[in-house]
Amino acid sequence: MREYLDTNELAERLHIGTTTLVKWRRDLEGPPWIRYGKRHIRYPIAGVENWLAANLYGEEGGPLRLIMSEEQPDDL
């Protein structure tokens, strides 16, 4: 199992644009991330899951599980 997602992978899973993630990093918002080298940004999956859980509204576990899993719900 992978431990990190790149910007494109996380944007796809969250159904947002990569520019949103860039803005969140610039504004020190959003999920935790690490930079190594000058251009390599990665998001630890555990950190993203914790961030989502801390910002989850509504039914506990429902949206979080769908966003972070590889599976897509039938009704999307």
PDB file of N, CA and C in Angstrom:
ATOM      1  N   MET A   1       0.843  -1.194   0.000  1.00  0.00           N
ATOM      2  CA  MET A   1       0.000   0.000   0.000  1.00  0.00           C
ATOM      3  C   MET A   1       0.884   1.252   0.000  1.00  0.00           C
ATOM      4  N   ARG A   2       0.508   2.192  -0.801  1.00  0.00           N
ATOM      5  CA  ARG A   2       1.263   3.441  -0.880  1.00  0.00           C
ATOM      6  C   ARG A   2       1.011   4.300   0.349  1.00  0.00           C
ATOM      7  N   GLU A   3       2.012   5.092   0.710  1.00  0.00           N
ATOM      8  CA  GLU A   3       1.893   5.956   1.876  1.00  0.00           C
ATOM      9  C   GLU A   3       1.635   7.410   1.502  1.00  0.00           C
ATOM     10  N   TYR A   4       1.902   7.785   0.237  1.00  0.00           N
ATOM     11  CA  TYR A   4       1.802   9.179  -0.180  1.00  0.00           C
ATOM     12  C   TYR A   4       1.041   9.301  -1.495  1.00  0.00           C
ATOM     13  N   LEU A   5       0.421  10.456  -1.695  1.00  0.00           N
ATOM     14  CA  LEU A   5      -0.227  10.805  -2.957  1.00  0.00           C
ATOM     15  C   LEU A   5       0.460  12.050  -3.510  1.00  0.00           C
ATOM     16  N   ASP A   6       0.560  12.133  -4.833  1.00  0.00           N
ATOM     17  CA  ASP A   6       1.053  13.381  -5.399  1.00  0.00           C
ATOM     18  C   ASP A   6      -0.134  14.332  -5.583  1.00  0.00           C
ATOM     19  N   THR A   7       0.142  15.532  -6.028  1.00  0.00           N
ATOM     20  CA  THR A   7      -0.893  16.558  -6.150  1.00  0.00           C
ATOM     21  C   THR A   7      -2.014  16.127  -7.086  1.00  0.00           C
ATOM     22  N   ASN A   8      -1.659  15.547  -8.228  1.00  0.00           N
ATOM     23  CA  ASN A   8      -2.686  15.118  -9.181  1.00  0.00           C
ATOM     24  C   ASN A   8      -3.572  14.021  -8.604  1.00  0.00           C
ATOM     25  N   GLU A   9      -2.967  13.068  -7.920  1.00  0.00           N
ATOM     26  CA  GLU A   9      -3.739  11.961  -7.339  1.00  0.00           C
ATOM     27  C   GLU A   9      -4.698  12.456  -6.269  1.00  0.00           C
ATOM     28  N   LEU A  10      -4.225  13.357  -5.407  1.00  0.00           N
ATOM     29  CA  LEU A  10      -5.102  13.868  -4.352  1.00  0.00           C
ATOM     30  C   LEU A  10      -6.224  14.721  -4.936  1.00  0.00           C
ATOM     31  N   ALA A  11      -5.905  15.555  -5.899  1.00  0.00           N
ATOM     32  CA  ALA A  11      -6.934  16.383  -6.529  1.00  0.00           C
ATOM     33  C   ALA A  11      -8.020  15.504  -7.147  1.00  0.00           C
ATOM     34  N   GLU A  12      -7.618  14.432  -7.788  1.00  0.00           N
ATOM     35  CA  GLU A  12      -8.588  13.518  -8.398  1.00  0.00           C
ATOM     36  C   GLU A  12      -9.471  12.866  -7.340  1.00  0.00           C
ATOM     37  N   ARG A  13      -8.868  12.418  -6.251  1.00  0.00           N
ATOM     38  CA  ARG A  13      -9.647  11.760  -5.191  1.00  0.00           C
ATOM     39  C   ARG A  13     -10.594  12.713  -4.478  1.00  0.00           C
ATOM     40  N   LEU A  14     -10.185  13.979  -4.352  1.00  0.00           N
ATOM     41  CA  LEU A  14     -11.044  14.962  -3.678  1.00  0.00           C
ATOM     42  C   LEU A  14     -12.005  15.654  -4.639  1.00  0.00           C
ATOM     43  N   HIS A  15     -11.855  15.376  -5.931  1.00  0.00           N
ATOM     44  CA  HIS A  15     -12.694  15.995  -6.969  1.00  0.00           C
ATOM     45  C   HIS A  15     -12.557  17.515  -6.957  1.00  0.00           C
ATOM     46  N   ILE A  16     -11.292  17.960  -6.884  1.00  0.00           N
ATOM     47  CA  ILE A  16     -10.975  19.388  -6.929  1.00  0.00           C
ATOM     48  C   ILE A  16      -9.837  19.588  -7.919  1.00  0.00           C
ATOM     49  N   GLY A  17      -9.572  20.815  -8.281  1.00  0.00           N
ATOM     50  CA  GLY A  17      -8.474  21.111  -9.187  1.00  0.00           C
ATOM     51  C   GLY A  17      -7.134  21.142  -8.467  1.00  0.00           C
ATOM     52  N   THR A  18      -6.089  20.890  -9.210  1.00  0.00           N
ATOM     53  CA  THR A  18      -4.746  20.961  -8.626  1.00  0.00           C
ATOM     54  C   THR A  18      -4.425  22.381  -8.176  1.00  0.00           C
ATOM     55  N   THR A  19      -5.015  23.380  -8.845  1.00  0.00           N
ATOM     56  CA  THR A  19      -4.755  24.764  -8.439  1.00  0.00           C
ATOM     57  C   THR A  19      -5.320  25.042  -7.048  1.00  0.00           C
ATOM     58  N   THR A  20      -6.388  24.345  -6.674  1.00  0.00           N
ATOM     59  CA  THR A  20      -6.919  24.497  -5.311  1.00  0.00           C
ATOM     60  C   THR A  20      -5.902  24.002  -4.295  1.00  0.00           C
ATOM     61  N   LEU A  21      -5.281  22.862  -4.571  1.00  0.00           N
ATOM     62  CA  LEU A  21      -4.259  22.344  -3.656  1.00  0.00           C
ATOM     63  C   LEU A  21      -3.053  23.274  -3.586  1.00  0.00           C
ATOM     64  N   VAL A  22      -2.671  23.846  -4.714  1.00  0.00           N
ATOM     65  CA  VAL A  22      -1.556  24.807  -4.731  1.00  0.00           C
ATOM     66  C   VAL A  22      -1.906  26.015  -3.865  1.00  0.00           C
ATOM     67  N   LYS A  23      -3.123  26.518  -4.003  1.00  0.00           N
ATOM     68  CA  LYS A  23      -3.562  27.667  -3.203  1.00  0.00           C
ATOM     69  C   LYS A  23      -3.570  27.315  -1.722  1.00  0.00           C
ATOM     70  N   TRP A  24      -4.095  26.131  -1.385  1.00  0.00           N
ATOM     71  CA  TRP A  24      -4.116  25.718   0.019  1.00  0.00           C
ATOM     72  C   TRP A  24      -2.703  25.634   0.585  1.00  0.00           C
ATOM     73  N   ARG A  25      -1.770  25.105  -0.175  1.00  0.00           N
ATOM     74  CA  ARG A  25      -0.385  25.047   0.313  1.00  0.00           C
ATOM     75  C   ARG A  25       0.163  26.446   0.528  1.00  0.00           C
ATOM     76  N   ARG A  26      -0.088  27.333  -0.429  1.00  0.00           N
ATOM     77  CA  ARG A  26       0.396  28.716  -0.328  1.00  0.00           C
ATOM     78  C   ARG A  26      -0.172  29.403   0.911  1.00  0.00           C
ATOM     79  N   ASP A  27      -1.456  29.162   1.191  1.00  0.00           N
ATOM     80  CA  ASP A  27      -2.143  29.797   2.311  1.00  0.00           C
ATOM     81  C   ASP A  27      -2.036  29.002   3.612  1.00  0.00           C
ATOM     82  N   LEU A  28      -1.242  27.917   3.580  1.00  0.00           N
ATOM     83  CA  LEU A  28      -1.069  27.031   4.738  1.00  0.00           C
ATOM     84  C   LEU A  28      -2.406  26.497   5.235  1.00  0.00           C
ATOM     85  N   GLU A  29      -3.238  26.086   4.296  1.00  0.00           N
ATOM     86  CA  GLU A  29      -4.530  25.472   4.586  1.00  0.00           C
ATOM     87  C   GLU A  29      -4.530  24.071   3.985  1.00  0.00           C
ATOM     88  N   GLY A  30      -5.608  23.345   4.177  1.00  0.00           N
ATOM     89  CA  GLY A  30      -5.761  22.047   3.547  1.00  0.00           C
ATOM     90  C   GLY A  30      -5.002  20.951   4.255  1.00  0.00           C
ATOM     91  N   PRO A  31      -4.907  19.802   3.600  1.00  0.00           N
ATOM     92  CA  PRO A  31      -4.254  18.650   4.226  1.00  0.00           C
ATOM     93  C   PRO A  31      -2.743  18.844   4.344  1.00  0.00           C
ATOM     94  N   PRO A  32      -2.122  18.123   5.273  1.00  0.00           N
ATOM     95  CA  PRO A  32      -0.666  18.241   5.437  1.00  0.00           C
ATOM     96  C   PRO A  32       0.067  17.702   4.214  1.00  0.00           C
ATOM     97  N   TRP A  33       1.221  18.283   3.960  1.00  0.00           N
ATOM     98  CA  TRP A  33       2.029  17.883   2.809  1.00  0.00           C
ATOM     99  C   TRP A  33       3.498  18.002   3.166  1.00  0.00           C
ATOM    100  N   ILE A  34       4.304  17.341   2.363  1.00  0.00           N
ATOM    101  CA  ILE A  34       5.752  17.443   2.542  1.00  0.00           C
ATOM    102  C   ILE A  34       6.372  17.821   1.200  1.00  0.00           C
ATOM    103  N   ARG A  35       7.491  18.492   1.262  1.00  0.00           N
ATOM    104  CA  ARG A  35       8.245  18.845   0.057  1.00  0.00           C
ATOM    105  C   ARG A  35       9.636  18.242   0.206  1.00  0.00           C
ATOM    106  N   TYR A  36      10.058  17.587  -0.832  1.00  0.00           N
ATOM    107  CA  TYR A  36      11.449  17.162  -0.870  1.00  0.00           C
ATOM    108  C   TYR A  36      12.032  17.597  -2.201  1.00  0.00           C
ATOM    109  N   GLY A  37      13.204  18.144  -2.130  1.00  0.00           N
ATOM    110  CA  GLY A  37      13.781  18.784  -3.303  1.00  0.00           C
ATOM    111  C   GLY A  37      13.055  20.096  -3.556  1.00  0.00           C
ATOM    112  N   LYS A  38      13.179  20.611  -4.756  1.00  0.00           N
ATOM    113  CA  LYS A  38      12.545  21.889  -5.076  1.00  0.00           C
ATOM    114  C   LYS A  38      11.121  21.730  -5.584  1.00  0.00           C
ATOM    115  N   ARG A  39      10.804  20.606  -6.202  1.00  0.00           N
ATOM    116  CA  ARG A  39       9.519  20.487  -6.889  1.00  0.00           C
ATOM    117  C   ARG A  39       8.635  19.342  -6.432  1.00  0.00           C
ATOM    118  N   HIS A  40       9.102  18.497  -5.582  1.00  0.00           N
ATOM    119  CA  HIS A  40       8.360  17.287  -5.243  1.00  0.00           C
ATOM    120  C   HIS A  40       7.489  17.501  -4.009  1.00  0.00           C
ATOM    121  N   ILE A  41       6.175  17.484  -4.224  1.00  0.00           N
ATOM    122  CA  ILE A  41       5.193  17.633  -3.142  1.00  0.00           C
ATOM    123  C   ILE A  41       4.469  16.305  -3.008  1.00  0.00           C
ATOM    124  N   ARG A  42       4.326  15.834  -1.779  1.00  0.00           N
ATOM    125  CA  ARG A  42       3.572  14.608  -1.524  1.00  0.00           C
ATOM    126  C   ARG A  42       2.675  14.827  -0.302  1.00  0.00           C
ATOM    127  N   TYR A  43       1.555  14.148  -0.329  1.00  0.00           N
ATOM    128  CA  TYR A  43       0.582  14.210   0.761  1.00  0.00           C
ATOM    129  C   TYR A  43       0.527  12.848   1.437  1.00  0.00           C
ATOM    130  N   PRO A  44       0.899  12.758   2.730  1.00  0.00           N
ATOM    131  CA  PRO A  44       0.796  11.476   3.414  1.00  0.00           C
ATOM    132  C   PRO A  44      -0.684  11.071   3.532  1.00  0.00           C
ATOM    133  N   ILE A  45      -1.014   9.871   3.115  1.00  0.00           N
ATOM    134  CA  ILE A  45      -2.402   9.422   3.130  1.00  0.00           C
ATOM    135  C   ILE A  45      -2.983   9.489   4.537  1.00  0.00           C
ATOM    136  N   ALA A  46      -2.213   9.093   5.538  1.00  0.00           N
ATOM    137  CA  ALA A  46      -2.713   9.144   6.918  1.00  0.00           C
ATOM    138  C   ALA A  46      -3.037  10.583   7.321  1.00  0.00           C
ATOM    139  N   GLY A  47      -2.206  11.531   6.921  1.00  0.00           N
ATOM    140  CA  GLY A  47      -2.455  12.940   7.229  1.00  0.00           C
ATOM    141  C   GLY A  47      -3.686  13.471   6.527  1.00  0.00           C
ATOM    142  N   VAL A  48      -3.879  13.051   5.270  1.00  0.00           N
ATOM    143  CA  VAL A  48      -5.059  13.475   4.516  1.00  0.00           C
ATOM    144  C   VAL A  48      -6.316  12.911   5.166  1.00  0.00           C
ATOM    145  N   GLU A  49      -6.283  11.630   5.555  1.00  0.00           N
ATOM    146  CA  GLU A  49      -7.443  11.020   6.214  1.00  0.00           C
ATOM    147  C   GLU A  49      -7.776  11.737   7.523  1.00  0.00           C
ATOM    148  N   ASN A  50      -6.754  12.076   8.297  1.00  0.00           N
ATOM    149  CA  ASN A  50      -6.988  12.805   9.555  1.00  0.00           C
ATOM    150  C   ASN A  50      -7.570  14.184   9.288  1.00  0.00           C
ATOM    151  N   TRP A  51      -7.051  14.869   8.278  1.00  0.00           N
ATOM    152  CA  TRP A  51      -7.558  16.190   7.923  1.00  0.00           C
ATOM    153  C   TRP A  51      -9.016  16.105   7.483  1.00  0.00           C
ATOM    154  N   LEU A  52      -9.327  15.114   6.660  1.00  0.00           N
ATOM    155  CA  LEU A  52     -10.717  14.929   6.225  1.00  0.00           C
ATOM    156  C   LEU A  52     -11.631  14.642   7.403  1.00  0.00           C
ATOM    157  N   ALA A  53     -11.191  13.777   8.303  1.00  0.00           N
ATOM    158  CA  ALA A  53     -12.011  13.439   9.470  1.00  0.00           C
ATOM    159  C   ALA A  53     -12.254  14.663  10.342  1.00  0.00           C
ATOM    160  N   ALA A  54     -11.247  15.519  10.469  1.00  0.00           N
ATOM    161  CA  ALA A  54     -11.384  16.722  11.294  1.00  0.00           C
ATOM    162  C   ALA A  54     -12.297  17.752  10.642  1.00  0.00           C
ATOM    163  N   ASN A  55     -12.481  17.647   9.329  1.00  0.00           N
ATOM    164  CA  ASN A  55     -13.304  18.608   8.601  1.00  0.00           C
ATOM    165  C   ASN A  55     -14.563  17.976   8.016  1.00  0.00           C
ATOM    166  N   LEU A  56     -14.936  16.834   8.545  1.00  0.00           N
ATOM    167  CA  LEU A  56     -16.083  16.090   8.040  1.00  0.00           C
ATOM    168  C   LEU A  56     -17.370  16.593   8.676  1.00  0.00           C
ATOM    169  N   TYR A  57     -18.371  16.817   7.858  1.00  0.00           N
ATOM    170  CA  TYR A  57     -19.685  17.223   8.331  1.00  0.00           C
ATOM    171  C   TYR A  57     -20.694  16.175   7.905  1.00  0.00           C
ATOM    172  N   GLY A  58     -21.677  15.948   8.716  1.00  0.00           N
ATOM    173  CA  GLY A  58     -22.712  14.977   8.361  1.00  0.00           C
ATOM    174  C   GLY A  58     -22.391  13.599   8.901  1.00  0.00           C
ATOM    175  N   GLU A  59     -22.831  12.602   8.173  1.00  0.00           N
ATOM    176  CA  GLU A  59     -22.710  11.220   8.622  1.00  0.00           C
ATOM    177  C   GLU A  59     -21.252  10.809   8.768  1.00  0.00           C
ATOM    178  N   GLU A  60     -20.899  10.315   9.929  1.00  0.00           N
ATOM    179  CA  GLU A  60     -19.524   9.944  10.219  1.00  0.00           C
ATOM    180  C   GLU A  60     -19.108   8.720   9.395  1.00  0.00           C
ATOM    181  N   GLY A  61     -17.986   8.834   8.722  1.00  0.00           N
ATOM    182  CA  GLY A  61     -17.425   7.706   8.002  1.00  0.00           C
ATOM    183  C   GLY A  61     -17.897   7.545   6.578  1.00  0.00           C
ATOM    184  N   GLY A  62     -19.035   8.076   6.203  1.00  0.00           N
ATOM    185  CA  GLY A  62     -19.566   7.888   4.863  1.00  0.00           C
ATOM    186  C   GLY A  62     -18.717   8.551   3.799  1.00  0.00           C
ATOM    187  N   PRO A  63     -18.719   9.893   3.727  1.00  0.00           N
ATOM    188  CA  PRO A  63     -17.946  10.572   2.685  1.00  0.00           C
ATOM    189  C   PRO A  63     -16.449  10.294   2.771  1.00  0.00           C
ATOM    190  N   LEU A  64     -15.908  10.197   3.975  1.00  0.00           N
ATOM    191  CA  LEU A  64     -14.467   9.969   4.136  1.00  0.00           C
ATOM    192  C   LEU A  64     -14.066   8.656   3.486  1.00  0.00           C
ATOM    193  N   ARG A  65     -14.811   7.614   3.723  1.00  0.00           N
ATOM    194  CA  ARG A  65     -14.476   6.311   3.179  1.00  0.00           C
ATOM    195  C   ARG A  65     -14.522   6.337   1.643  1.00  0.00           C
ATOM    196  N   LEU A  66     -15.493   7.018   1.071  1.00  0.00           N
ATOM    197  CA  LEU A  66     -15.624   7.071  -0.384  1.00  0.00           C
ATOM    198  C   LEU A  66     -14.496   7.868  -1.023  1.00  0.00           C
ATOM    199  N   ILE A  67     -14.095   8.951  -0.409  1.00  0.00           N
ATOM    200  CA  ILE A  67     -13.068   9.807  -0.995  1.00  0.00           C
ATOM    201  C   ILE A  67     -11.715   9.112  -1.006  1.00  0.00           C
ATOM    202  N   MET A  68     -11.359   8.445   0.066  1.00  0.00           N
ATOM    203  CA  MET A  68     -10.022   7.885   0.161  1.00  0.00           C
ATOM    204  C   MET A  68      -9.907   6.484  -0.445  1.00  0.00           C
ATOM    205  N   SER A  69     -11.008   5.823  -0.742  1.00  0.00           N
ATOM    206  CA  SER A  69     -10.926   4.493  -1.329  1.00  0.00           C
ATOM    207  C   SER A  69     -10.769   4.604  -2.837  1.00  0.00           C
ATOM    208  N   GLU A  70     -10.315   3.544  -3.432  1.00  0.00           N
ATOM    209  CA  GLU A  70     -10.194   3.490  -4.876  1.00  0.00           C
ATOM    210  C   GLU A  70     -11.552   3.243  -5.517  1.00  0.00           C
ATOM    211  N   GLU A  71     -12.511   2.726  -4.735  1.00  0.00           N
ATOM    212  CA  GLU A  71     -13.818   2.384  -5.266  1.00  0.00           C
ATOM    213  C   GLU A  71     -14.638   3.631  -5.512  1.00  0.00           C
ATOM    214  N   GLN A  72     -15.487   3.566  -6.521  1.00  0.00           N
ATOM    215  CA  GLN A  72     -16.402   4.657  -6.820  1.00  0.00           C
ATOM    216  C   GLN A  72     -17.815   4.188  -6.510  1.00  0.00           C
ATOM    217  N   PRO A  73     -18.628   5.033  -5.887  1.00  0.00           N
ATOM    218  CA  PRO A  73     -20.008   4.631  -5.616  1.00  0.00           C
ATOM    219  C   PRO A  73     -20.762   4.439  -6.924  1.00  0.00           C
ATOM    220  N   ASP A  74     -21.770   3.577  -6.902  1.00  0.00           N
ATOM    221  CA  ASP A  74     -22.547   3.281  -8.095  1.00  0.00           C
ATOM    222  C   ASP A  74     -23.330   4.461  -8.607  1.00  0.00           C
ATOM    223  N   ASP A  75     -23.726   5.371  -7.694  1.00  0.00           N
ATOM    224  CA  ASP A  75     -24.609   6.459  -8.099  1.00  0.00           C
ATOM    225  C   ASP A  75     -23.868   7.701  -8.593  1.00  0.00           C
ATOM    226  N   LEU A  76     -22.558   7.670  -8.736  1.00  0.00           N
ATOM    227  CA  LEU A  76     -21.840   8.837  -9.265  1.00  0.00           C
ATOM    228  C   LEU A  76     -21.676   8.750 -10.748  1.00  0.00           C
TER     229      LEU A  76
END
